[in-house]
Amino acid sequence: MRIETCYFCSAPVYPSKGITFVRNDARVFRFCKSKCHKNFKMKRNPRKLGWTKSFRRAHNKELTVDSTLQFSQRRNIPTRYNRDLVASTLKAITRVNEIRAKRERAFYKARMKGNKERQRADDRKLVEENQHLLPPAERWGAKEKEVEEEDMDVEVDLETMKMRVGGGVEAMDVDA
């Protein structure tokens, strides 16, 4: 049983599933679903569609250079059945899958490193730019202004200020 890959999105296509398109020059294209077939007919570039495997590889979202990826390459040379070879191959497949999963996890962690700080910085910037949308009690600028006003009240201690009104001088209490 041979499991093909979709020409468009690189998903596995199992026997008797999907769509097979054979061009006039005898080139065979296999598609996993009608979505891939329609996009192929519309001549869309799979590297520009975010849900395809080729997009993920082109934009460094998946591991592209790794020795474990060579094990999944297609081999067209048939080998004679050997029970020991099959047993050792099955053991190797499980080990390779473990190694690949470990490396993919490490790659993902390295790629996501620093995202939390970047997201917090973006959130802070968004809040600072849109202070006017917050209730007055939660605004950062309002709290700073209140603190400045309290400092000013302590520094200024006036009992009375004389102001010239009309032509005479009057004593008047003024709050500053």
N, C-alpha and C. Protein backbone atom coordinates (compact mmCIF):
# COMPACT_ATOMS: atom_id res chain seq x y z
N MET A 1 0.85 -1.18 0.00
CA MET A 1 0.00 0.00 0.00
C MET A 1 0.89 1.24 0.00
N ARG A 2 0.70 2.09 -0.99
CA ARG A 2 1.50 3.30 -1.08
C ARG A 2 0.64 4.50 -0.70
N ILE A 3 1.15 5.31 0.19
CA ILE A 3 0.45 6.53 0.60
C ILE A 3 1.09 7.68 -0.16
N GLU A 4 0.32 8.27 -1.07
CA GLU A 4 0.81 9.39 -1.87
C GLU A 4 0.67 10.68 -1.06
N THR A 5 1.26 11.76 -1.59
CA THR A 5 1.07 13.08 -0.96
C THR A 5 0.33 13.98 -1.94
N CYS A 6 -0.49 14.84 -1.39
CA CYS A 6 -1.25 15.77 -2.20
C CYS A 6 -0.29 16.71 -2.92
N TYR A 7 -0.50 16.93 -4.20
CA TYR A 7 0.38 17.80 -4.98
C TYR A 7 0.29 19.23 -4.47
N PHE A 8 -0.85 19.64 -3.98
CA PHE A 8 -1.06 21.04 -3.60
C PHE A 8 -0.68 21.33 -2.15
N CYS A 9 -1.22 20.53 -1.21
CA CYS A 9 -1.00 20.86 0.21
C CYS A 9 -0.08 19.89 0.93
N SER A 10 0.39 18.86 0.27
CA SER A 10 1.32 17.87 0.83
C SER A 10 0.71 17.00 1.92
N ALA A 11 -0.60 16.93 1.99
CA ALA A 11 -1.25 16.04 2.96
C ALA A 11 -1.21 14.61 2.42
N PRO A 12 -1.27 13.61 3.29
CA PRO A 12 -1.27 12.24 2.78
C PRO A 12 -2.57 11.89 2.07
N VAL A 13 -2.44 11.16 0.95
CA VAL A 13 -3.60 10.70 0.19
C VAL A 13 -3.56 9.18 0.22
N TYR A 14 -4.53 8.58 0.88
CA TYR A 14 -4.58 7.14 1.04
C TYR A 14 -5.22 6.50 -0.19
N PRO A 15 -4.97 5.20 -0.40
CA PRO A 15 -5.54 4.52 -1.57
C PRO A 15 -7.06 4.64 -1.62
N SER A 16 -7.58 4.86 -2.80
CA SER A 16 -9.01 5.03 -3.12
C SER A 16 -9.59 6.33 -2.57
N LYS A 17 -8.75 7.24 -2.12
CA LYS A 17 -9.23 8.54 -1.63
C LYS A 17 -8.65 9.64 -2.50
N GLY A 18 -9.31 10.79 -2.50
CA GLY A 18 -8.79 11.94 -3.23
C GLY A 18 -9.11 11.91 -4.71
N ILE A 19 -8.47 12.83 -5.43
CA ILE A 19 -8.71 13.02 -6.86
C ILE A 19 -7.37 12.88 -7.58
N THR A 20 -7.38 12.16 -8.70
CA THR A 20 -6.17 12.02 -9.51
C THR A 20 -6.41 12.72 -10.84
N PHE A 21 -5.51 13.63 -11.18
CA PHE A 21 -5.60 14.36 -12.44
C PHE A 21 -4.38 13.99 -13.27
N VAL A 22 -4.61 13.50 -14.49
CA VAL A 22 -3.52 13.13 -15.38
C VAL A 22 -3.53 14.10 -16.55
N ARG A 23 -2.43 14.83 -16.69
CA ARG A 23 -2.32 15.83 -17.75
C ARG A 23 -1.99 15.14 -19.08
N ASN A 24 -2.09 15.88 -20.19
CA ASN A 24 -1.83 15.32 -21.53
C ASN A 24 -0.41 14.77 -21.68
N ASP A 25 0.53 15.32 -20.93
CA ASP A 25 1.91 14.84 -21.03
C ASP A 25 2.18 13.69 -20.05
N ALA A 26 1.12 13.06 -19.55
CA ALA A 26 1.17 11.90 -18.65
C ALA A 26 1.70 12.24 -17.26
N ARG A 27 1.71 13.50 -16.90
CA ARG A 27 2.10 13.89 -15.54
C ARG A 27 0.91 13.68 -14.62
N VAL A 28 1.12 13.00 -13.48
CA VAL A 28 0.04 12.65 -12.56
C VAL A 28 0.05 13.60 -11.37
N PHE A 29 -1.11 14.19 -11.08
CA PHE A 29 -1.28 15.06 -9.92
C PHE A 29 -2.32 14.42 -9.01
N ARG A 30 -1.98 14.26 -7.75
CA ARG A 30 -2.93 13.70 -6.79
C ARG A 30 -3.33 14.78 -5.80
N PHE A 31 -4.62 14.85 -5.51
CA PHE A 31 -5.14 15.85 -4.58
C PHE A 31 -5.91 15.15 -3.48
N CYS A 32 -5.78 15.66 -2.26
CA CYS A 32 -6.43 15.01 -1.11
C CYS A 32 -7.91 15.37 -1.05
N LYS A 33 -8.29 16.55 -1.50
CA LYS A 33 -9.70 16.97 -1.43
C LYS A 33 -9.99 17.95 -2.56
N SER A 34 -11.26 18.24 -2.74
CA SER A 34 -11.67 19.11 -3.84
C SER A 34 -11.13 20.53 -3.68
N LYS A 35 -10.91 20.95 -2.44
CA LYS A 35 -10.36 22.29 -2.19
C LYS A 35 -8.99 22.44 -2.87
N CYS A 36 -8.15 21.41 -2.73
CA CYS A 36 -6.83 21.45 -3.35
C CYS A 36 -6.95 21.39 -4.88
N HIS A 37 -7.86 20.57 -5.38
CA HIS A 37 -8.05 20.44 -6.82
C HIS A 37 -8.52 21.76 -7.42
N LYS A 38 -9.47 22.41 -6.77
CA LYS A 38 -10.00 23.69 -7.26
C LYS A 38 -8.92 24.77 -7.26
N ASN A 39 -8.14 24.81 -6.18
CA ASN A 39 -7.06 25.81 -6.12
C ASN A 39 -6.00 25.55 -7.18
N PHE A 40 -5.73 24.28 -7.48
CA PHE A 40 -4.79 23.94 -8.54
C PHE A 40 -5.32 24.40 -9.89
N LYS A 41 -6.62 24.17 -10.14
CA LYS A 41 -7.23 24.59 -11.41
C LYS A 41 -7.25 26.11 -11.55
N MET A 42 -7.34 26.81 -10.42
CA MET A 42 -7.31 28.28 -10.46
C MET A 42 -5.88 28.82 -10.55
N LYS A 43 -4.91 27.90 -10.63
CA LYS A 43 -3.49 28.23 -10.76
C LYS A 43 -2.98 29.06 -9.58
N ARG A 44 -3.46 28.73 -8.40
CA ARG A 44 -2.99 29.42 -7.20
C ARG A 44 -1.65 28.84 -6.76
N ASN A 45 -0.85 29.70 -6.15
CA ASN A 45 0.45 29.28 -5.66
C ASN A 45 0.30 28.75 -4.23
N PRO A 46 0.62 27.47 -4.00
CA PRO A 46 0.45 26.93 -2.65
C PRO A 46 1.34 27.62 -1.60
N ARG A 47 2.43 28.24 -2.03
CA ARG A 47 3.31 28.93 -1.06
C ARG A 47 2.70 30.21 -0.52
N LYS A 48 1.61 30.67 -1.15
CA LYS A 48 0.96 31.90 -0.70
C LYS A 48 -0.30 31.64 0.12
N LEU A 49 -0.70 30.37 0.23
CA LEU A 49 -1.88 30.02 1.01
C LEU A 49 -1.44 29.45 2.36
N GLY A 50 -1.87 30.09 3.44
CA GLY A 50 -1.35 29.79 4.77
C GLY A 50 -1.61 28.39 5.28
N TRP A 51 -2.56 27.67 4.72
CA TRP A 51 -2.90 26.35 5.24
C TRP A 51 -2.10 25.23 4.59
N THR A 52 -1.24 25.53 3.63
CA THR A 52 -0.48 24.48 2.95
C THR A 52 0.86 24.25 3.64
N LYS A 53 1.38 23.06 3.42
CA LYS A 53 2.67 22.67 3.99
C LYS A 53 3.80 23.51 3.38
N SER A 54 3.69 23.80 2.09
CA SER A 54 4.75 24.57 1.44
C SER A 54 4.81 26.00 1.97
N PHE A 55 3.67 26.59 2.34
CA PHE A 55 3.66 27.92 2.97
C PHE A 55 4.39 27.86 4.30
N ARG A 56 4.09 26.84 5.09
CA ARG A 56 4.69 26.71 6.41
C ARG A 56 6.20 26.55 6.31
N ARG A 57 6.65 25.81 5.31
CA ARG A 57 8.09 25.64 5.13
C ARG A 57 8.74 26.92 4.62
N ALA A 58 8.08 27.60 3.68
CA ALA A 58 8.64 28.82 3.09
C ALA A 58 8.74 29.95 4.10
N HIS A 59 7.84 29.96 5.11
CA HIS A 59 7.84 31.03 6.10
C HIS A 59 8.45 30.60 7.43
N ASN A 60 9.29 29.56 7.40
CA ASN A 60 10.04 29.07 8.57
C ASN A 60 9.15 28.74 9.76
N LYS A 61 7.99 28.16 9.49
CA LYS A 61 7.10 27.75 10.57
C LYS A 61 7.28 26.27 10.89
N GLU A 62 7.95 25.55 10.01
CA GLU A 62 8.23 24.13 10.24
C GLU A 62 9.68 23.84 9.97
N LEU A 63 10.13 22.74 10.52
CA LEU A 63 11.50 22.29 10.33
C LEU A 63 11.70 21.91 8.87
N THR A 64 12.71 22.47 8.22
CA THR A 64 12.94 22.14 6.81
C THR A 64 14.23 21.37 6.61
N VAL A 65 15.24 21.65 7.40
CA VAL A 65 16.53 20.97 7.26
C VAL A 65 16.73 20.09 8.48
N ASP A 66 16.52 18.78 8.29
CA ASP A 66 16.69 17.85 9.39
C ASP A 66 16.96 16.47 8.82
N SER A 67 17.83 15.71 9.48
CA SER A 67 18.17 14.39 8.97
C SER A 67 17.01 13.40 9.08
N THR A 68 16.08 13.64 10.00
CA THR A 68 14.94 12.71 10.15
C THR A 68 13.96 12.82 8.99
N LEU A 69 13.97 13.93 8.27
CA LEU A 69 13.05 14.10 7.15
C LEU A 69 13.42 13.20 5.97
N GLN A 70 14.68 12.77 5.91
CA GLN A 70 15.12 11.92 4.81
C GLN A 70 14.49 10.52 4.88
N PHE A 71 14.09 10.10 6.07
CA PHE A 71 13.51 8.77 6.22
C PHE A 71 12.15 8.65 5.55
N SER A 72 11.46 9.77 5.40
CA SER A 72 10.12 9.71 4.80
C SER A 72 10.15 9.91 3.28
N GLN A 73 11.34 9.97 2.69
CA GLN A 73 11.43 10.13 1.24
C GLN A 73 10.96 8.86 0.54
N ARG A 74 10.43 9.05 -0.64
CA ARG A 74 9.89 7.95 -1.43
C ARG A 74 11.02 7.15 -2.07
N ARG A 75 10.93 5.82 -1.96
CA ARG A 75 11.93 4.94 -2.57
C ARG A 75 11.22 4.05 -3.59
N ASN A 76 11.70 4.08 -4.81
CA ASN A 76 11.04 3.34 -5.89
C ASN A 76 11.66 1.97 -6.15
N ILE A 77 12.73 1.64 -5.44
CA ILE A 77 13.39 0.35 -5.67
C ILE A 77 12.78 -0.68 -4.71
N PRO A 78 12.10 -1.69 -5.24
CA PRO A 78 11.51 -2.70 -4.35
C PRO A 78 12.60 -3.61 -3.78
N THR A 79 12.41 -4.01 -2.55
CA THR A 79 13.36 -4.95 -1.93
C THR A 79 12.62 -6.24 -1.59
N ARG A 80 13.34 -7.31 -1.60
CA ARG A 80 12.75 -8.61 -1.29
C ARG A 80 12.38 -8.66 0.19
N TYR A 81 11.25 -9.30 0.50
CA TYR A 81 10.77 -9.37 1.88
C TYR A 81 11.75 -10.14 2.76
N ASN A 82 12.08 -9.52 3.88
CA ASN A 82 12.95 -10.15 4.87
C ASN A 82 12.38 -9.81 6.24
N ARG A 83 12.02 -10.84 6.99
CA ARG A 83 11.34 -10.63 8.28
C ARG A 83 12.19 -9.79 9.24
N ASP A 84 13.48 -10.06 9.31
CA ASP A 84 14.37 -9.31 10.20
C ASP A 84 14.46 -7.85 9.78
N LEU A 85 14.52 -7.63 8.47
CA LEU A 85 14.60 -6.26 7.95
C LEU A 85 13.33 -5.48 8.31
N VAL A 86 12.17 -6.12 8.18
CA VAL A 86 10.91 -5.46 8.52
C VAL A 86 10.86 -5.12 10.01
N ALA A 87 11.29 -6.06 10.86
CA ALA A 87 11.28 -5.83 12.31
C ALA A 87 12.20 -4.67 12.68
N SER A 88 13.40 -4.67 12.12
CA SER A 88 14.34 -3.58 12.45
C SER A 88 13.85 -2.25 11.88
N THR A 89 13.19 -2.29 10.72
CA THR A 89 12.64 -1.07 10.12
C THR A 89 11.54 -0.49 10.99
N LEU A 90 10.66 -1.34 11.52
CA LEU A 90 9.58 -0.85 12.38
C LEU A 90 10.13 -0.23 13.67
N LYS A 91 11.17 -0.83 14.23
CA LYS A 91 11.80 -0.25 15.42
C LYS A 91 12.41 1.11 15.08
N ALA A 92 13.06 1.16 13.92
CA ALA A 92 13.69 2.42 13.51
C ALA A 92 12.65 3.50 13.26
N ILE A 93 11.50 3.13 12.70
CA ILE A 93 10.44 4.11 12.43
C ILE A 93 9.96 4.75 13.72
N THR A 94 9.72 3.93 14.75
CA THR A 94 9.25 4.51 16.02
C THR A 94 10.31 5.42 16.63
N ARG A 95 11.57 5.01 16.55
CA ARG A 95 12.66 5.84 17.11
C ARG A 95 12.78 7.16 16.34
N VAL A 96 12.71 7.10 15.02
CA VAL A 96 12.80 8.31 14.19
C VAL A 96 11.64 9.25 14.49
N ASN A 97 10.44 8.69 14.68
CA ASN A 97 9.28 9.53 15.01
C ASN A 97 9.47 10.23 16.34
N GLU A 98 10.03 9.54 17.33
CA GLU A 98 10.31 10.17 18.63
C GLU A 98 11.30 11.31 18.48
N ILE A 99 12.37 11.05 17.74
CA ILE A 99 13.41 12.08 17.54
C ILE A 99 12.83 13.28 16.81
N ARG A 100 12.04 13.02 15.77
CA ARG A 100 11.43 14.11 14.99
C ARG A 100 10.51 14.95 15.87
N ALA A 101 9.69 14.29 16.68
CA ALA A 101 8.77 15.02 17.57
C ALA A 101 9.55 15.89 18.55
N LYS A 102 10.63 15.36 19.09
CA LYS A 102 11.46 16.12 20.03
C LYS A 102 12.06 17.35 19.36
N ARG A 103 12.58 17.16 18.15
CA ARG A 103 13.20 18.28 17.43
C ARG A 103 12.16 19.32 17.01
N GLU A 104 10.97 18.86 16.61
CA GLU A 104 9.91 19.80 16.24
C GLU A 104 9.48 20.63 17.44
N ARG A 105 9.38 19.99 18.62
CA ARG A 105 9.03 20.72 19.84
C ARG A 105 10.09 21.77 20.17
N ALA A 106 11.37 21.39 20.05
CA ALA A 106 12.46 22.33 20.33
C ALA A 106 12.44 23.48 19.33
N PHE A 107 12.18 23.16 18.07
CA PHE A 107 12.11 24.20 17.03
C PHE A 107 10.99 25.18 17.32
N TYR A 108 9.83 24.65 17.72
CA TYR A 108 8.68 25.50 18.03
C TYR A 108 8.96 26.40 19.23
N LYS A 109 9.57 25.82 20.28
CA LYS A 109 9.89 26.62 21.47
C LYS A 109 10.87 27.74 21.13
N ALA A 110 11.86 27.43 20.30
CA ALA A 110 12.83 28.45 19.91
C ALA A 110 12.16 29.55 19.08
N ARG A 111 11.20 29.15 18.25
CA ARG A 111 10.50 30.12 17.41
C ARG A 111 9.58 31.01 18.23
N MET A 112 8.97 30.46 19.26
CA MET A 112 8.02 31.20 20.09
C MET A 112 8.69 31.97 21.23
N LYS A 113 10.00 31.76 21.40
CA LYS A 113 10.71 32.42 22.50
C LYS A 113 10.65 33.94 22.32
N GLY A 114 10.27 34.64 23.36
CA GLY A 114 10.20 36.09 23.30
C GLY A 114 8.86 36.63 22.82
N ASN A 115 7.94 35.74 22.43
CA ASN A 115 6.63 36.20 21.96
C ASN A 115 5.82 36.85 23.07
N LYS A 116 5.94 36.32 24.29
CA LYS A 116 5.15 36.84 25.40
C LYS A 116 5.53 38.29 25.70
N GLU A 117 6.84 38.57 25.71
CA GLU A 117 7.29 39.95 25.96
C GLU A 117 6.85 40.88 24.84
N ARG A 118 6.97 40.40 23.59
CA ARG A 118 6.55 41.21 22.45
C ARG A 118 5.06 41.52 22.51
N GLN A 119 4.27 40.51 22.88
CA GLN A 119 2.83 40.69 22.97
C GLN A 119 2.48 41.68 24.08
N ARG A 120 3.17 41.59 25.22
CA ARG A 120 2.91 42.53 26.32
C ARG A 120 3.27 43.95 25.91
N ALA A 121 4.39 44.10 25.20
CA ALA A 121 4.79 45.43 24.75
C ALA A 121 3.75 46.00 23.78
N ASP A 122 3.26 45.16 22.88
CA ASP A 122 2.22 45.60 21.94
C ASP A 122 0.94 45.99 22.67
N ASP A 123 0.58 45.20 23.69
CA ASP A 123 -0.62 45.51 24.48
C ASP A 123 -0.47 46.83 25.21
N ARG A 124 0.71 47.06 25.81
CA ARG A 124 0.95 48.32 26.52
C ARG A 124 0.85 49.51 25.57
N LYS A 125 1.44 49.34 24.39
CA LYS A 125 1.41 50.41 23.40
C LYS A 125 -0.03 50.72 22.98
N LEU A 126 -0.83 49.68 22.80
CA LEU A 126 -2.23 49.84 22.42
C LEU A 126 -3.00 50.59 23.50
N VAL A 127 -2.76 50.24 24.76
CA VAL A 127 -3.45 50.91 25.86
C VAL A 127 -3.02 52.37 25.95
N GLU A 128 -1.73 52.64 25.77
CA GLU A 128 -1.24 54.02 25.84
C GLU A 128 -1.83 54.88 24.72
N GLU A 129 -1.96 54.30 23.54
CA GLU A 129 -2.49 55.06 22.41
C GLU A 129 -3.99 55.32 22.54
N ASN A 130 -4.69 54.45 23.26
CA ASN A 130 -6.14 54.56 23.37
C ASN A 130 -6.60 54.84 24.80
N GLN A 131 -5.88 55.70 25.49
CA GLN A 131 -6.23 56.07 26.87
C GLN A 131 -7.62 56.70 26.95
N HIS A 132 -8.01 57.41 25.91
CA HIS A 132 -9.29 58.11 25.92
C HIS A 132 -10.48 57.15 25.99
N LEU A 133 -10.28 55.89 25.66
CA LEU A 133 -11.38 54.92 25.69
C LEU A 133 -11.58 54.31 27.08
N LEU A 134 -10.58 54.45 27.95
CA LEU A 134 -10.68 53.89 29.30
C LEU A 134 -11.51 54.79 30.20
N PRO A 135 -12.13 54.22 31.24
CA PRO A 135 -12.81 55.07 32.23
C PRO A 135 -11.80 55.97 32.93
N PRO A 136 -12.21 57.15 33.37
CA PRO A 136 -11.25 58.11 33.95
C PRO A 136 -10.43 57.56 35.11
N ALA A 137 -11.00 56.69 35.91
CA ALA A 137 -10.27 56.16 37.07
C ALA A 137 -9.12 55.26 36.66
N GLU A 138 -9.23 54.64 35.49
CA GLU A 138 -8.21 53.68 35.06
C GLU A 138 -7.17 54.29 34.13
N ARG A 139 -7.29 55.55 33.82
CA ARG A 139 -6.32 56.18 32.92
C ARG A 139 -5.02 56.43 33.65
N TRP A 140 -3.91 56.19 32.95
CA TRP A 140 -2.60 56.41 33.55
C TRP A 140 -2.31 57.90 33.67
N GLY A 141 -2.64 58.66 32.65
CA GLY A 141 -2.36 60.10 32.64
C GLY A 141 -3.13 60.82 33.73
N ALA A 142 -4.36 60.40 34.03
CA ALA A 142 -5.19 61.06 35.04
C ALA A 142 -4.57 60.90 36.42
N LYS A 143 -4.03 59.74 36.72
CA LYS A 143 -3.41 59.51 38.02
C LYS A 143 -2.18 60.40 38.20
N GLU A 144 -1.39 60.52 37.15
CA GLU A 144 -0.20 61.36 37.22
C GLU A 144 -0.57 62.82 37.44
N LYS A 145 -1.63 63.30 36.79
CA LYS A 145 -2.06 64.69 36.95
C LYS A 145 -2.54 64.95 38.37
N GLU A 146 -3.27 63.98 38.98
CA GLU A 146 -3.74 64.14 40.35
C GLU A 146 -2.56 64.25 41.31
N VAL A 147 -1.54 63.45 41.09
CA VAL A 147 -0.35 63.49 41.95
C VAL A 147 0.32 64.85 41.83
N GLU A 148 0.44 65.38 40.62
CA GLU A 148 1.05 66.69 40.41
C GLU A 148 0.25 67.78 41.10
N GLU A 149 -1.09 67.72 41.03
CA GLU A 149 -1.94 68.73 41.67
C GLU A 149 -1.78 68.70 43.18
N GLU A 150 -1.67 67.50 43.78
CA GLU A 150 -1.47 67.40 45.22
C GLU A 150 -0.14 68.03 45.62
N ASP A 151 0.90 67.82 44.83
CA ASP A 151 2.19 68.43 45.12
C ASP A 151 2.10 69.94 45.07
N MET A 152 1.36 70.45 44.10
CA MET A 152 1.22 71.90 43.97
C MET A 152 0.48 72.48 45.18
N ASP A 153 -0.55 71.80 45.70
CA ASP A 153 -1.30 72.29 46.85
C ASP A 153 -0.41 72.39 48.07
N VAL A 154 0.49 71.50 48.26
CA VAL A 154 1.37 71.51 49.42
C VAL A 154 2.36 72.66 49.32
N GLU A 155 2.88 72.90 48.15
CA GLU A 155 3.89 73.94 47.98
C GLU A 155 3.29 75.34 48.13
N VAL A 156 2.11 75.57 47.62
CA VAL A 156 1.50 76.90 47.65
C VAL A 156 0.69 77.03 48.93
N ASP A 157 1.07 78.03 49.78
CA ASP A 157 0.35 78.26 51.03
C ASP A 157 0.02 79.74 51.09
N LEU A 158 -1.16 80.11 50.60
CA LEU A 158 -1.57 81.51 50.54
C LEU A 158 -2.71 81.76 51.50
N GLU A 159 -2.59 82.79 52.30
CA GLU A 159 -3.70 83.15 53.18
C GLU A 159 -4.64 84.09 52.45
N THR A 160 -4.08 85.12 51.94
CA THR A 160 -4.90 86.07 51.18
C THR A 160 -4.07 86.65 50.05
N MET A 161 -4.75 86.95 48.98
CA MET A 161 -4.08 87.61 47.86
C MET A 161 -4.83 88.89 47.58
N LYS A 162 -4.09 89.92 47.31
CA LYS A 162 -4.72 91.19 47.01
C LYS A 162 -4.79 91.36 45.51
N MET A 163 -5.96 91.67 45.06
CA MET A 163 -6.15 91.86 43.63
C MET A 163 -6.66 93.27 43.39
N ARG A 164 -6.25 93.81 42.33
CA ARG A 164 -6.68 95.16 41.98
C ARG A 164 -7.96 95.03 41.17
N VAL A 165 -9.04 95.55 41.71
CA VAL A 165 -10.32 95.48 41.03
C VAL A 165 -10.80 96.90 40.84
N GLY A 166 -11.11 97.23 39.63
CA GLY A 166 -11.56 98.59 39.34
C GLY A 166 -10.41 99.56 39.52
N GLY A 167 -10.25 100.23 40.54
CA GLY A 167 -9.13 101.11 40.81
C GLY A 167 -8.67 100.96 42.23
N GLY A 168 -9.44 100.22 43.02
CA GLY A 168 -9.09 100.08 44.42
C GLY A 168 -8.45 98.74 44.69
N VAL A 169 -8.06 98.56 45.93
CA VAL A 169 -7.42 97.32 46.36
C VAL A 169 -8.35 96.62 47.33
N GLU A 170 -8.62 95.36 47.07
CA GLU A 170 -9.49 94.59 47.95
C GLU A 170 -8.75 93.37 48.46
N ALA A 171 -9.04 92.97 49.68
CA ALA A 171 -8.48 91.73 50.22
C ALA A 171 -9.41 90.60 49.82
N MET A 172 -8.85 89.54 49.30
CA MET A 172 -9.69 88.47 48.78
C MET A 172 -9.01 87.13 48.99
N ASP A 173 -9.75 86.13 49.43
CA ASP A 173 -9.20 84.78 49.55
C ASP A 173 -9.31 84.10 48.19
N VAL A 174 -8.18 83.60 47.70
CA VAL A 174 -8.16 82.94 46.39
C VAL A 174 -7.48 81.59 46.55
N ASP A 175 -8.12 80.57 46.06
CA ASP A 175 -7.49 79.24 46.06
C ASP A 175 -6.70 79.08 44.78
N ALA A 176 -5.47 78.66 44.91
CA ALA A 176 -4.63 78.49 43.74
C ALA A 176 -4.57 77.05 43.34
